[in-house]
Amino acid sequence: MAEEKQRRLTRAVQGVFLDQLAGTCNVRASARAAGIDPTSVYALRRRDARFAGEWLEALRAGYDLLETELVGHALRGGAGDTIEDGAGPVAVDVALKLLTAHRNAMLGKPHKGGTPLKRVTSEETDKVLLARLDAIERQRREAAG
């Protein structure tokens, strides 16, 4: 693992990671295949909008592949409790749960017991920050005078 942490996230390494992610939807396995630590790709996703978009597209492709495997399984008569995906055998019931959770997340639906996810705009965050700065300024004036 120490060697993985030192490997740079070049575009080529990112490409390996994203290709694996598209085939498996598994961040840890994809990072391992690219020879990098999973925390480094999560950090890159937070700071690089382009990479975050590519990550999302890879996940979408992976879930499309999973859905295709499930449809193929059903069309073959649904024999057996597992399907094969890029990472190996997956239990059909687990694959269905993962696909449902992914779809719900893409639609902004909450997880069980959770609240719906909402992406905020920069205007919304600016408004909140300015309101907080105004409140701090009011407190300073009141304390000073």
Protein backbone atom coordinates (compact mmCIF):
# COMPACT_ATOMS: atom_id res chain seq x y z
CA MET A 1 0.00 0.00 0.00
CA ALA A 2 2.89 2.41 0.66
CA GLU A 3 3.90 2.10 -2.99
CA GLU A 4 0.32 2.90 -4.06
CA LYS A 5 0.25 6.10 -2.02
CA GLN A 6 3.35 7.40 -3.79
CA ARG A 7 2.12 6.85 -7.35
CA ARG A 8 1.11 10.04 -9.10
CA LEU A 9 -2.40 10.49 -10.45
CA THR A 10 -1.36 11.10 -14.04
CA ARG A 11 -3.99 11.14 -16.78
CA ALA A 12 -2.91 7.59 -17.70
CA VAL A 13 -3.40 6.36 -14.11
CA GLN A 14 -6.72 8.18 -13.95
CA GLY A 15 -7.71 6.45 -17.19
CA VAL A 16 -6.97 3.01 -15.75
CA PHE A 17 -8.95 3.85 -12.63
CA LEU A 18 -11.93 5.18 -14.62
CA ASP A 19 -11.92 2.19 -17.01
CA GLN A 20 -11.97 -0.19 -14.06
CA LEU A 21 -14.68 1.86 -12.34
CA ALA A 22 -16.83 1.67 -15.48
CA GLY A 23 -16.46 -2.11 -15.46
CA THR A 24 -16.99 -2.74 -11.76
CA CYS A 25 -18.49 0.32 -9.96
CA ASN A 26 -15.99 -0.54 -7.23
CA VAL A 27 -13.74 2.35 -6.19
CA ARG A 28 -11.41 0.31 -3.99
CA ALA A 29 -10.86 -2.40 -6.64
CA SER A 30 -10.45 0.23 -9.36
CA ALA A 31 -7.85 2.12 -7.33
CA ARG A 32 -6.01 -1.14 -6.64
CA ALA A 33 -6.00 -1.94 -10.39
CA ALA A 34 -4.53 1.52 -11.08
CA GLY A 35 -1.92 1.04 -8.34
CA ILE A 36 -3.14 3.95 -6.23
CA ASP A 37 -4.67 4.50 -2.82
CA PRO A 38 -8.47 5.01 -2.88
CA THR A 39 -8.18 8.13 -0.70
CA SER A 40 -6.14 9.84 -3.42
CA VAL A 41 -8.88 9.40 -6.03
CA TYR A 42 -11.53 10.65 -3.61
CA ALA A 43 -9.35 13.71 -2.94
CA LEU A 44 -8.87 14.30 -6.66
CA ARG A 45 -12.62 14.01 -7.23
CA ARG A 46 -13.23 16.72 -4.59
CA ARG A 47 -10.79 19.19 -6.14
CA ASP A 48 -11.08 18.45 -9.88
CA ALA A 49 -14.49 19.00 -11.49
CA ARG A 50 -13.39 17.37 -14.76
CA PHE A 51 -12.33 14.20 -12.97
CA ALA A 52 -15.52 14.24 -10.86
CA GLY A 53 -17.56 14.35 -14.07
CA GLU A 54 -15.55 11.51 -15.60
CA TRP A 55 -16.04 9.52 -12.38
CA LEU A 56 -19.80 10.01 -12.60
CA GLU A 57 -19.83 8.93 -16.26
CA ALA A 58 -17.79 5.83 -15.40
CA LEU A 59 -20.24 4.92 -12.64
CA ARG A 60 -23.16 5.41 -14.99
CA ALA A 61 -21.50 3.12 -17.51
CA GLY A 62 -20.86 0.57 -14.80
CA TYR A 63 -24.44 0.61 -13.61
CA ASP A 64 -25.63 0.36 -17.23
CA LEU A 65 -23.44 -2.74 -17.54
CA LEU A 66 -24.88 -4.15 -14.30
CA GLU A 67 -28.41 -3.54 -15.57
CA THR A 68 -27.55 -5.24 -18.87
CA GLU A 69 -26.19 -8.26 -16.98
CA LEU A 70 -29.41 -8.45 -14.93
CA VAL A 71 -31.57 -8.25 -18.05
CA GLY A 72 -29.47 -10.97 -19.69
CA HIS A 73 -29.83 -13.11 -16.58
CA ALA A 74 -33.61 -12.71 -16.66
CA LEU A 75 -33.80 -13.46 -20.41
CA ARG A 76 -31.79 -16.65 -19.87
CA GLY A 77 -34.43 -17.82 -17.43
CA GLY A 78 -32.98 -16.40 -14.25
CA ALA A 79 -31.21 -19.64 -13.35
CA GLY A 80 -28.83 -19.29 -10.44
CA ASP A 81 -28.51 -16.70 -7.73
CA THR A 82 -25.52 -14.85 -9.20
CA ILE A 83 -24.47 -12.96 -12.30
CA GLU A 84 -20.96 -12.21 -13.54
CA ASP A 85 -19.79 -8.62 -13.79
CA GLY A 86 -16.37 -7.06 -14.26
CA ALA A 87 -15.42 -7.74 -10.64
CA GLY A 88 -16.62 -11.35 -10.50
CA PRO A 89 -19.81 -13.05 -9.34
CA VAL A 90 -22.49 -10.84 -7.80
CA ALA A 91 -25.62 -12.06 -6.04
CA VAL A 92 -28.69 -11.09 -8.07
CA ASP A 93 -30.51 -9.65 -5.04
CA VAL A 94 -27.45 -7.53 -4.16
CA ALA A 95 -27.14 -6.34 -7.77
CA LEU A 96 -30.81 -5.28 -7.74
CA LYS A 97 -30.36 -3.39 -4.47
CA LEU A 98 -27.25 -1.63 -5.79
CA LEU A 99 -28.98 -0.69 -9.02
CA THR A 100 -32.01 0.64 -7.13
CA ALA A 101 -29.83 2.68 -4.75
CA HIS A 102 -27.88 4.11 -7.70
CA ARG A 103 -31.05 5.09 -9.56
CA ASN A 104 -32.49 6.70 -6.45
CA ALA A 105 -29.27 8.64 -5.92
CA MET A 106 -29.31 9.86 -9.54
CA LEU A 107 -32.91 11.02 -9.03
CA GLY A 108 -32.05 12.75 -5.75
CA LYS A 109 -34.19 10.35 -3.74
CA PRO A 110 -33.14 9.66 -0.17
CA HIS A 111 -31.68 6.43 1.13
CA LYS A 112 -33.88 4.61 3.64
CA GLY A 113 -34.68 7.08 6.40
CA GLY A 114 -32.59 9.81 4.77
CA THR A 115 -33.42 13.18 3.30
CA PRO A 116 -33.33 13.94 -0.42
CA LEU A 117 -29.98 15.11 -1.75
CA LYS A 118 -29.86 18.60 -3.22
CA ARG A 119 -27.01 20.20 -5.11
CA VAL A 120 -26.74 23.87 -4.27
CA THR A 121 -25.62 26.58 -6.64
CA SER A 122 -22.77 29.00 -5.99
CA GLU A 123 -25.38 31.77 -5.70
CA GLU A 124 -27.07 29.87 -2.87
CA THR A 125 -23.82 29.31 -1.00
CA ASP A 126 -22.80 32.94 -1.54
CA LYS A 127 -26.12 34.10 -0.08
CA VAL A 128 -25.64 31.97 3.04
CA LEU A 129 -22.04 33.11 3.49
CA LEU A 130 -22.94 36.79 3.09
CA ALA A 131 -25.75 36.43 5.64
CA ARG A 132 -23.33 34.85 8.11
CA LEU A 133 -20.76 37.60 7.53
CA ASP A 134 -23.47 40.23 8.13
CA ALA A 135 -24.40 38.49 11.40
CA ILE A 136 -20.75 38.48 12.52
CA GLU A 137 -20.44 42.18 11.68
CA ARG A 138 -23.61 42.99 13.68
CA GLN A 139 -22.24 41.05 16.68
CA ARG A 140 -18.95 42.96 16.48
CA ARG A 141 -20.75 46.33 16.35
CA GLU A 142 -22.95 45.36 19.31
CA ALA A 143 -19.92 44.20 21.31
CA ALA A 144 -18.00 47.40 20.52
CA GLY A 145 -20.67 49.82 21.25
